[in-house]
PDB file of N, CA and C in Angstrom:
ATOM      1  N   MET A   1      14.919 -12.230  31.053  1.00  0.00           N
ATOM      2  CA  MET A   1      14.853 -11.033  30.221  1.00  0.00           C
ATOM      3  C   MET A   1      14.860 -11.456  28.753  1.00  0.00           C
ATOM      4  N   THR A   2      14.102 -10.783  27.962  1.00  0.00           N
ATOM      5  CA  THR A   2      14.083 -11.053  26.533  1.00  0.00           C
ATOM      6  C   THR A   2      15.093 -10.157  25.831  1.00  0.00           C
ATOM      7  N   SER A   3      15.430 -10.525  24.598  1.00  0.00           N
ATOM      8  CA  SER A   3      16.367  -9.691  23.836  1.00  0.00           C
ATOM      9  C   SER A   3      15.660  -8.429  23.363  1.00  0.00           C
ATOM     10  N   ILE A   4      16.448  -7.404  23.094  1.00  0.00           N
ATOM     11  CA  ILE A   4      15.931  -6.106  22.651  1.00  0.00           C
ATOM     12  C   ILE A   4      16.565  -5.772  21.311  1.00  0.00           C
ATOM     13  N   ASP A   5      15.753  -5.446  20.343  1.00  0.00           N
ATOM     14  CA  ASP A   5      16.263  -4.959  19.058  1.00  0.00           C
ATOM     15  C   ASP A   5      16.532  -3.471  19.240  1.00  0.00           C
ATOM     16  N   VAL A   6      17.779  -3.123  19.498  1.00  0.00           N
ATOM     17  CA  VAL A   6      18.152  -1.758  19.866  1.00  0.00           C
ATOM     18  C   VAL A   6      17.874  -0.780  18.726  1.00  0.00           C
ATOM     19  N   ALA A   7      18.250  -1.139  17.499  1.00  0.00           N
ATOM     20  CA  ALA A   7      18.021  -0.243  16.356  1.00  0.00           C
ATOM     21  C   ALA A   7      16.532  -0.018  16.134  1.00  0.00           C
ATOM     22  N   LYS A   8      15.734  -1.066  16.249  1.00  0.00           N
ATOM     23  CA  LYS A   8      14.281  -0.938  16.063  1.00  0.00           C
ATOM     24  C   LYS A   8      13.666  -0.068  17.169  1.00  0.00           C
ATOM     25  N   THR A   9      14.150  -0.244  18.397  1.00  0.00           N
ATOM     26  CA  THR A   9      13.664   0.572  19.516  1.00  0.00           C
ATOM     27  C   THR A   9      13.979   2.047  19.273  1.00  0.00           C
ATOM     28  N   ALA A  10      15.197   2.336  18.810  1.00  0.00           N
ATOM     29  CA  ALA A  10      15.581   3.729  18.533  1.00  0.00           C
ATOM     30  C   ALA A  10      14.745   4.307  17.403  1.00  0.00           C
ATOM     31  N   ALA A  11      14.519   3.530  16.344  1.00  0.00           N
ATOM     32  CA  ALA A  11      13.752   4.018  15.195  1.00  0.00           C
ATOM     33  C   ALA A  11      12.308   4.335  15.578  1.00  0.00           C
ATOM     34  N   ALA A  12      11.775   3.639  16.577  1.00  0.00           N
ATOM     35  CA  ALA A  12      10.392   3.848  16.996  1.00  0.00           C
ATOM     36  C   ALA A  12      10.218   5.026  17.951  1.00  0.00           C
ATOM     37  N   LEU A  13      11.312   5.604  18.422  1.00  0.00           N
ATOM     38  CA  LEU A  13      11.196   6.743  19.341  1.00  0.00           C
ATOM     39  C   LEU A  13      10.560   7.933  18.618  1.00  0.00           C
ATOM     40  N   PRO A  14       9.623   8.622  19.266  1.00  0.00           N
ATOM     41  CA  PRO A  14       8.921   9.714  18.588  1.00  0.00           C
ATOM     42  C   PRO A  14       9.784  10.932  18.273  1.00  0.00           C
ATOM     43  N   ASP A  15      10.804  11.189  19.072  1.00  0.00           N
ATOM     44  CA  ASP A  15      11.642  12.372  18.881  1.00  0.00           C
ATOM     45  C   ASP A  15      13.114  12.001  18.921  1.00  0.00           C
ATOM     46  N   ALA A  16      13.884  12.619  18.046  1.00  0.00           N
ATOM     47  CA  ALA A  16      15.333  12.452  18.081  1.00  0.00           C
ATOM     48  C   ALA A  16      15.880  13.091  19.357  1.00  0.00           C
ATOM     49  N   TRP A  17      16.984  12.573  19.821  1.00  0.00           N
ATOM     50  CA  TRP A  17      17.733  13.075  20.971  1.00  0.00           C
ATOM     51  C   TRP A  17      16.987  12.909  22.294  1.00  0.00           C
ATOM     52  N   ASN A  18      15.882  12.169  22.312  1.00  0.00           N
ATOM     53  CA  ASN A  18      15.204  11.819  23.561  1.00  0.00           C
ATOM     54  C   ASN A  18      15.432  10.340  23.792  1.00  0.00           C
ATOM     55  N   SER A  19      16.181  10.009  24.828  1.00  0.00           N
ATOM     56  CA  SER A  19      16.595   8.631  25.041  1.00  0.00           C
ATOM     57  C   SER A  19      15.521   7.800  25.732  1.00  0.00           C
ATOM     58  N   ARG A  20      15.677   6.498  25.577  1.00  0.00           N
ATOM     59  CA  ARG A  20      14.838   5.529  26.281  1.00  0.00           C
ATOM     60  C   ARG A  20      15.775   4.588  27.025  1.00  0.00           C
ATOM     61  N   THR A  21      15.504   4.362  28.290  1.00  0.00           N
ATOM     62  CA  THR A  21      16.316   3.443  29.075  1.00  0.00           C
ATOM     63  C   THR A  21      15.975   2.009  28.698  1.00  0.00           C
ATOM     64  N   LEU A  22      17.002   1.247  28.335  1.00  0.00           N
ATOM     65  CA  LEU A  22      16.828  -0.159  27.967  1.00  0.00           C
ATOM     66  C   LEU A  22      16.998  -1.080  29.166  1.00  0.00           C
ATOM     67  N   GLY A  23      17.836  -0.654  30.121  1.00  0.00           N
ATOM     68  CA  GLY A  23      18.093  -1.456  31.305  1.00  0.00           C
ATOM     69  C   GLY A  23      19.192  -0.840  32.141  1.00  0.00           C
ATOM     70  N   ARG A  24      19.593  -1.572  33.158  1.00  0.00           N
ATOM     71  CA  ARG A  24      20.640  -1.092  34.058  1.00  0.00           C
ATOM     72  C   ARG A  24      21.701  -2.173  34.227  1.00  0.00           C
ATOM     73  N   VAL A  25      22.935  -1.732  34.418  1.00  0.00           N
ATOM     74  CA  VAL A  25      24.048  -2.603  34.764  1.00  0.00           C
ATOM     75  C   VAL A  25      24.628  -2.012  36.036  1.00  0.00           C
ATOM     76  N   GLY A  26      24.443  -2.689  37.150  1.00  0.00           N
ATOM     77  CA  GLY A  26      24.814  -2.095  38.430  1.00  0.00           C
ATOM     78  C   GLY A  26      23.973  -0.839  38.628  1.00  0.00           C
ATOM     79  N   THR A  27      24.642   0.275  38.851  1.00  0.00           N
ATOM     80  CA  THR A  27      23.911   1.534  39.013  1.00  0.00           C
ATOM     81  C   THR A  27      23.823   2.329  37.705  1.00  0.00           C
ATOM     82  N   ALA A  28      24.487   1.853  36.659  1.00  0.00           N
ATOM     83  CA  ALA A  28      24.513   2.580  35.377  1.00  0.00           C
ATOM     84  C   ALA A  28      23.268   2.287  34.542  1.00  0.00           C
ATOM     85  N   SER A  29      22.788   3.305  33.854  1.00  0.00           N
ATOM     86  CA  SER A  29      21.673   3.165  32.920  1.00  0.00           C
ATOM     87  C   SER A  29      22.224   2.945  31.522  1.00  0.00           C
ATOM     88  N   VAL A  30      21.577   2.066  30.775  1.00  0.00           N
ATOM     89  CA  VAL A  30      21.894   1.839  29.366  1.00  0.00           C
ATOM     90  C   VAL A  30      20.717   2.391  28.577  1.00  0.00           C
ATOM     91  N   LYS A  31      21.001   3.402  27.751  1.00  0.00           N
ATOM     92  CA  LYS A  31      19.945   4.109  27.026  1.00  0.00           C
ATOM     93  C   LYS A  31      20.204   4.060  25.527  1.00  0.00           C
ATOM     94  N   VAL A  32      19.162   4.250  24.753  1.00  0.00           N
ATOM     95  CA  VAL A  32      19.289   4.341  23.302  1.00  0.00           C
ATOM     96  C   VAL A  32      18.567   5.604  22.842  1.00  0.00           C
ATOM     97  N   LEU A  33      19.085   6.192  21.762  1.00  0.00           N
ATOM     98  CA  LEU A  33      18.399   7.323  21.154  1.00  0.00           C
ATOM     99  C   LEU A  33      18.702   7.364  19.671  1.00  0.00           C
ATOM    100  N   ARG A  34      17.893   8.144  18.994  1.00  0.00           N
ATOM    101  CA  ARG A  34      18.037   8.338  17.554  1.00  0.00           C
ATOM    102  C   ARG A  34      18.604   9.730  17.319  1.00  0.00           C
ATOM    103  N   MET A  35      19.674   9.801  16.526  1.00  0.00           N
ATOM    104  CA  MET A  35      20.291  11.087  16.173  1.00  0.00           C
ATOM    105  C   MET A  35      19.723  11.545  14.824  1.00  0.00           C
ATOM    106  N   ASP A  36      19.562  12.860  14.643  1.00  0.00           N
ATOM    107  CA  ASP A  36      18.921  13.356  13.420  1.00  0.00           C
ATOM    108  C   ASP A  36      19.628  14.526  12.737  1.00  0.00           C
ATOM    109  N   ASP A  37      20.900  14.628  12.796  1.00  0.00           N
ATOM    110  CA  ASP A  37      21.695  15.701  12.174  1.00  0.00           C
ATOM    111  C   ASP A  37      21.667  17.018  12.937  1.00  0.00           C
ATOM    112  N   SER A  38      20.795  17.152  13.936  1.00  0.00           N
ATOM    113  CA  SER A  38      20.702  18.407  14.691  1.00  0.00           C
ATOM    114  C   SER A  38      21.797  18.493  15.747  1.00  0.00           C
ATOM    115  N   PRO A  39      22.288  19.698  16.027  1.00  0.00           N
ATOM    116  CA  PRO A  39      23.253  19.854  17.114  1.00  0.00           C
ATOM    117  C   PRO A  39      22.557  19.776  18.472  1.00  0.00           C
ATOM    118  N   VAL A  40      23.328  19.479  19.501  1.00  0.00           N
ATOM    119  CA  VAL A  40      22.833  19.457  20.880  1.00  0.00           C
ATOM    120  C   VAL A  40      23.773  20.346  21.693  1.00  0.00           C
ATOM    121  N   PRO A  41      23.218  21.260  22.499  1.00  0.00           N
ATOM    122  CA  PRO A  41      24.063  22.199  23.254  1.00  0.00           C
ATOM    123  C   PRO A  41      25.036  21.505  24.209  1.00  0.00           C
ATOM    124  N   GLU A  42      26.067  22.237  24.569  1.00  0.00           N
ATOM    125  CA  GLU A  42      27.105  21.738  25.471  1.00  0.00           C
ATOM    126  C   GLU A  42      26.524  21.376  26.836  1.00  0.00           C
ATOM    127  N   GLU A  43      27.067  20.299  27.392  1.00  0.00           N
ATOM    128  CA  GLU A  43      26.702  19.852  28.731  1.00  0.00           C
ATOM    129  C   GLU A  43      27.912  19.150  29.336  1.00  0.00           C
ATOM    130  N   SER A  44      27.820  18.844  30.620  1.00  0.00           N
ATOM    131  CA  SER A  44      28.844  18.029  31.275  1.00  0.00           C
ATOM    132  C   SER A  44      28.146  17.212  32.358  1.00  0.00           C
ATOM    133  N   HIS A  45      28.823  16.160  32.815  1.00  0.00           N
ATOM    134  CA  HIS A  45      28.238  15.253  33.793  1.00  0.00           C
ATOM    135  C   HIS A  45      29.238  15.003  34.913  1.00  0.00           C
ATOM    136  N   GLY A  46      28.717  14.570  36.055  1.00  0.00           N
ATOM    137  CA  GLY A  46      29.565  14.296  37.209  1.00  0.00           C
ATOM    138  C   GLY A  46      30.254  12.949  37.167  1.00  0.00           C
ATOM    139  N   ALA A  47      29.935  12.122  36.166  1.00  0.00           N
ATOM    140  CA  ALA A  47      30.562  10.806  36.008  1.00  0.00           C
ATOM    141  C   ALA A  47      30.887  10.600  34.532  1.00  0.00           C
ATOM    142  N   ASP A  48      31.781   9.642  34.245  1.00  0.00           N
ATOM    143  CA  ASP A  48      32.083   9.307  32.857  1.00  0.00           C
ATOM    144  C   ASP A  48      30.798   8.907  32.132  1.00  0.00           C
ATOM    145  N   GLU A  49      30.786   9.111  30.830  1.00  0.00           N
ATOM    146  CA  GLU A  49      29.660   8.720  29.982  1.00  0.00           C
ATOM    147  C   GLU A  49      30.230   7.956  28.789  1.00  0.00           C
ATOM    148  N   LEU A  50      29.688   6.775  28.502  1.00  0.00           N
ATOM    149  CA  LEU A  50      30.125   5.995  27.356  1.00  0.00           C
ATOM    150  C   LEU A  50      29.124   6.169  26.223  1.00  0.00           C
ATOM    151  N   LEU A  51      29.630   6.468  25.030  1.00  0.00           N
ATOM    152  CA  LEU A  51      28.796   6.690  23.853  1.00  0.00           C
ATOM    153  C   LEU A  51      29.192   5.659  22.799  1.00  0.00           C
ATOM    154  N   LEU A  52      28.264   4.789  22.425  1.00  0.00           N
ATOM    155  CA  LEU A  52      28.496   3.723  21.454  1.00  0.00           C
ATOM    156  C   LEU A  52      27.604   3.960  20.245  1.00  0.00           C
ATOM    157  N   VAL A  53      28.215   4.180  19.085  1.00  0.00           N
ATOM    158  CA  VAL A  53      27.465   4.419  17.856  1.00  0.00           C
ATOM    159  C   VAL A  53      27.189   3.074  17.193  1.00  0.00           C
ATOM    160  N   LEU A  54      25.915   2.701  17.092  1.00  0.00           N
ATOM    161  CA  LEU A  54      25.554   1.441  16.445  1.00  0.00           C
ATOM    162  C   LEU A  54      25.555   1.578  14.935  1.00  0.00           C
ATOM    163  N   ASP A  55      24.969   2.665  14.446  1.00  0.00           N
ATOM    164  CA  ASP A  55      24.990   2.954  13.011  1.00  0.00           C
ATOM    165  C   ASP A  55      25.008   4.459  12.833  1.00  0.00           C
ATOM    166  N   GLY A  56      25.505   4.909  11.687  1.00  0.00           N
ATOM    167  CA  GLY A  56      25.654   6.346  11.441  1.00  0.00           C
ATOM    168  C   GLY A  56      26.965   6.854  12.004  1.00  0.00           C
ATOM    169  N   ARG A  57      26.935   8.089  12.529  1.00  0.00           N
ATOM    170  CA  ARG A  57      28.135   8.654  13.146  1.00  0.00           C
ATOM    171  C   ARG A  57      27.737   9.760  14.114  1.00  0.00           C
ATOM    172  N   LEU A  58      28.600   9.998  15.082  1.00  0.00           N
ATOM    173  CA  LEU A  58      28.404  11.014  16.101  1.00  0.00           C
ATOM    174  C   LEU A  58      29.518  12.037  15.969  1.00  0.00           C
ATOM    175  N   GLU A  59      29.144  13.284  15.791  1.00  0.00           N
ATOM    176  CA  GLU A  59      30.096  14.398  15.686  1.00  0.00           C
ATOM    177  C   GLU A  59      30.065  15.155  17.011  1.00  0.00           C
ATOM    178  N   LEU A  60      31.187  15.157  17.718  1.00  0.00           N
ATOM    179  CA  LEU A  60      31.268  15.784  19.039  1.00  0.00           C
ATOM    180  C   LEU A  60      32.267  16.929  19.061  1.00  0.00           C
ATOM    181  N   ARG A  61      32.074  17.802  20.022  1.00  0.00           N
ATOM    182  CA  ARG A  61      33.093  18.770  20.424  1.00  0.00           C
ATOM    183  C   ARG A  61      33.321  18.501  21.903  1.00  0.00           C
ATOM    184  N   ILE A  62      34.523  18.043  22.244  1.00  0.00           N
ATOM    185  CA  ILE A  62      34.886  17.686  23.613  1.00  0.00           C
ATOM    186  C   ILE A  62      35.966  18.643  24.079  1.00  0.00           C
ATOM    187  N   ALA A  63      35.634  19.471  25.061  1.00  0.00           N
ATOM    188  CA  ALA A  63      36.597  20.428  25.606  1.00  0.00           C
ATOM    189  C   ALA A  63      37.296  21.208  24.483  1.00  0.00           C
ATOM    190  N   GLY A  64      36.526  21.584  23.455  1.00  0.00           N
ATOM    191  CA  GLY A  64      37.046  22.383  22.351  1.00  0.00           C
ATOM    192  C   GLY A  64      37.599  21.598  21.178  1.00  0.00           C
ATOM    193  N   ALA A  65      37.836  20.294  21.324  1.00  0.00           N
ATOM    194  CA  ALA A  65      38.372  19.465  20.236  1.00  0.00           C
ATOM    195  C   ALA A  65      37.229  18.764  19.501  1.00  0.00           C
ATOM    196  N   GLU A  66      37.340  18.673  18.169  1.00  0.00           N
ATOM    197  CA  GLU A  66      36.319  18.001  17.376  1.00  0.00           C
ATOM    198  C   GLU A  66      36.667  16.516  17.250  1.00  0.00           C
ATOM    199  N   VAL A  67      35.665  15.673  17.495  1.00  0.00           N
ATOM    200  CA  VAL A  67      35.835  14.221  17.480  1.00  0.00           C
ATOM    201  C   VAL A  67      34.709  13.613  16.661  1.00  0.00           C
ATOM    202  N   THR A  68      35.042  12.648  15.803  1.00  0.00           N
ATOM    203  CA  THR A  68      34.037  11.886  15.070  1.00  0.00           C
ATOM    204  C   THR A  68      34.076  10.449  15.562  1.00  0.00           C
ATOM    205  N   VAL A  69      32.908   9.925  15.936  1.00  0.00           N
ATOM    206  CA  VAL A  69      32.785   8.543  16.380  1.00  0.00           C
ATOM    207  C   VAL A  69      31.951   7.824  15.330  1.00  0.00           C
ATOM    208  N   GLN A  70      32.555   6.836  14.677  1.00  0.00           N
ATOM    209  CA  GLN A  70      31.913   6.102  13.585  1.00  0.00           C
ATOM    210  C   GLN A  70      31.107   4.913  14.113  1.00  0.00           C
ATOM    211  N   ALA A  71      30.284   4.337  13.241  1.00  0.00           N
ATOM    212  CA  ALA A  71      29.524   3.129  13.576  1.00  0.00           C
ATOM    213  C   ALA A  71      30.465   2.040  14.073  1.00  0.00           C
ATOM    214  N   GLY A  72      30.086   1.412  15.171  1.00  0.00           N
ATOM    215  CA  GLY A  72      30.908   0.359  15.750  1.00  0.00           C
ATOM    216  C   GLY A  72      31.971   0.860  16.705  1.00  0.00           C
ATOM    217  N   GLU A  73      32.092   2.179  16.848  1.00  0.00           N
ATOM    218  CA  GLU A  73      33.080   2.755  17.760  1.00  0.00           C
ATOM    219  C   GLU A  73      32.405   3.276  19.023  1.00  0.00           C
ATOM    220  N   MET A  74      33.199   3.342  20.096  1.00  0.00           N
ATOM    221  CA  MET A  74      32.721   3.854  21.370  1.00  0.00           C
ATOM    222  C   MET A  74      33.657   4.962  21.835  1.00  0.00           C
ATOM    223  N   TYR A  75      33.097   5.959  22.491  1.00  0.00           N
ATOM    224  CA  TYR A  75      33.893   7.067  23.019  1.00  0.00           C
ATOM    225  C   TYR A  75      33.512   7.277  24.480  1.00  0.00           C
ATOM    226  N   ARG A  76      34.516   7.453  25.329  1.00  0.00           N
ATOM    227  CA  ARG A  76      34.280   7.746  26.749  1.00  0.00           C
ATOM    228  C   ARG A  76      34.483   9.232  26.975  1.00  0.00           C
ATOM    229  N   VAL A  77      33.428   9.889  27.423  1.00  0.00           N
ATOM    230  CA  VAL A  77      33.516  11.299  27.793  1.00  0.00           C
ATOM    231  C   VAL A  77      33.860  11.335  29.280  1.00  0.00           C
ATOM    232  N   PRO A  78      35.005  11.886  29.644  1.00  0.00           N
ATOM    233  CA  PRO A  78      35.397  11.920  31.058  1.00  0.00           C
ATOM    234  C   PRO A  78      34.461  12.786  31.896  1.00  0.00           C
ATOM    235  N   ALA A  79      34.317  12.437  33.141  1.00  0.00           N
ATOM    236  CA  ALA A  79      33.510  13.225  34.078  1.00  0.00           C
ATOM    237  C   ALA A  79      33.952  14.679  34.047  1.00  0.00           C
ATOM    238  N   GLY A  80      32.988  15.580  33.989  1.00  0.00           N
ATOM    239  CA  GLY A  80      33.270  17.012  34.020  1.00  0.00           C
ATOM    240  C   GLY A  80      33.667  17.629  32.699  1.00  0.00           C
ATOM    241  N   ALA A  81      33.909  16.825  31.666  1.00  0.00           N
ATOM    242  CA  ALA A  81      34.339  17.371  30.366  1.00  0.00           C
ATOM    243  C   ALA A  81      33.154  17.994  29.639  1.00  0.00           C
ATOM    244  N   PRO A  82      33.275  19.274  29.277  1.00  0.00           N
ATOM    245  CA  PRO A  82      32.196  19.882  28.498  1.00  0.00           C
ATOM    246  C   PRO A  82      32.161  19.258  27.104  1.00  0.00           C
ATOM    247  N   HIS A  83      30.967  18.862  26.661  1.00  0.00           N
ATOM    248  CA  HIS A  83      30.834  18.246  25.336  1.00  0.00           C
ATOM    249  C   HIS A  83      29.506  18.643  24.703  1.00  0.00           C
ATOM    250  N   ALA A  84      29.533  18.755  23.384  1.00  0.00           N
ATOM    251  CA  ALA A  84      28.347  19.122  22.607  1.00  0.00           C
ATOM    252  C   ALA A  84      28.324  18.272  21.353  1.00  0.00           C
ATOM    253  N   VAL A  85      27.122  18.054  20.824  1.00  0.00           N
ATOM    254  CA  VAL A  85      26.964  17.324  19.567  1.00  0.00           C
ATOM    255  C   VAL A  85      26.939  18.350  18.440  1.00  0.00           C
ATOM    256  N   ARG A  86      27.803  18.111  17.448  1.00  0.00           N
ATOM    257  CA  ARG A  86      27.860  18.994  16.290  1.00  0.00           C
ATOM    258  C   ARG A  86      26.845  18.550  15.233  1.00  0.00           C
ATOM    259  N   PRO A  87      26.445  19.459  14.342  1.00  0.00           N
ATOM    260  CA  PRO A  87      25.549  19.070  13.247  1.00  0.00           C
ATOM    261  C   PRO A  87      26.167  17.936  12.429  1.00  0.00           C
ATOM    262  N   GLY A  88      25.312  17.095  11.869  1.00  0.00           N
ATOM    263  CA  GLY A  88      25.784  15.992  11.037  1.00  0.00           C
ATOM    264  C   GLY A  88      25.751  14.643  11.721  1.00  0.00           C
ATOM    265  N   SER A  89      25.471  14.627  13.014  1.00  0.00           N
ATOM    266  CA  SER A  89      25.351  13.354  13.729  1.00  0.00           C
ATOM    267  C   SER A  89      24.038  12.698  13.314  1.00  0.00           C
ATOM    268  N   HIS A  90      24.094  11.400  13.016  1.00  0.00           N
ATOM    269  CA  HIS A  90      22.874  10.690  12.617  1.00  0.00           C
ATOM    270  C   HIS A  90      23.039   9.203  12.908  1.00  0.00           C
ATOM    271  N   GLY A  91      21.928   8.522  13.091  1.00  0.00           N
ATOM    272  CA  GLY A  91      21.960   7.088  13.331  1.00  0.00           C
ATOM    273  C   GLY A  91      21.471   6.739  14.724  1.00  0.00           C
ATOM    274  N   THR A  92      22.010   5.641  15.263  1.00  0.00           N
ATOM    275  CA  THR A  92      21.571   5.101  16.549  1.00  0.00           C
ATOM    276  C   THR A  92      22.726   5.164  17.544  1.00  0.00           C
ATOM    277  N   LEU A  93      22.431   5.698  18.719  1.00  0.00           N
ATOM    278  CA  LEU A  93      23.442   5.891  19.758  1.00  0.00           C
ATOM    279  C   LEU A  93      23.003   5.186  21.039  1.00  0.00           C
ATOM    280  N   VAL A  94      23.915   4.424  21.633  1.00  0.00           N
ATOM    281  CA  VAL A  94      23.701   3.822  22.951  1.00  0.00           C
ATOM    282  C   VAL A  94      24.556   4.600  23.940  1.00  0.00           C
ATOM    283  N   ILE A  95      23.950   4.966  25.060  1.00  0.00           N
ATOM    284  CA  ILE A  95      24.623   5.731  26.118  1.00  0.00           C
ATOM    285  C   ILE A  95      24.622   4.909  27.394  1.00  0.00           C
ATOM    286  N   VAL A  96      25.772   4.818  28.042  1.00  0.00           N
ATOM    287  CA  VAL A  96      25.873   4.182  29.353  1.00  0.00           C
ATOM    288  C   VAL A  96      26.323   5.267  30.317  1.00  0.00           C
ATOM    289  N   GLU A  97      25.474   5.526  31.334  1.00  0.00           N
ATOM    290  CA  GLU A  97      25.775   6.617  32.259  1.00  0.00           C
ATOM    291  C   GLU A  97      25.224   6.324  33.639  1.00  0.00           C
ATOM    292  N   GLU A  98      25.817   6.971  34.624  1.00  0.00           N
ATOM    293  CA  GLU A  98      25.322   6.882  35.996  1.00  0.00           C
ATOM    294  C   GLU A  98      24.118   7.813  36.127  1.00  0.00           C
ATOM    295  N   PRO A  99      23.020   7.352  36.705  1.00  0.00           N
ATOM    296  CA  PRO A  99      21.860   8.220  36.865  1.00  0.00           C
ATOM    297  C   PRO A  99      22.176   9.412  37.770  1.00  0.00           C
ATOM    298  N   GLY A 100      21.682  10.567  37.375  1.00  0.00           N
ATOM    299  CA  GLY A 100      21.871  11.773  38.164  1.00  0.00           C
ATOM    300  C   GLY A 100      23.259  12.351  38.118  1.00  0.00           C
ATOM    301  N   ALA A 101      24.145  11.780  37.330  1.00  0.00           N
ATOM    302  CA  ALA A 101      25.524  12.278  37.269  1.00  0.00           C
ATOM    303  C   ALA A 101      25.654  13.436  36.305  1.00  0.00           C
TER     304      ALA A 101
END
């Protein structure tokens, strides 16, 4: 496998908030996306989701609480927890999640 420039891959994506799968670890997908200050509606998943901010910041609402995840930080969203992206999120986000969860 060759190395992947994650930030460059995210910057080349045609639309913000549309992820691209970079690879898999076991059954989990590793995805990247570009954030653009727009909010994303609430959702929940059947498995934990890991959110790693490479650059910029991620503004979340998790089960009613507001959370800011800075560049270099990772946040684990527990399975079943309702979460939404608040306005002001920008930069590059890596997501690790179970497919179909």
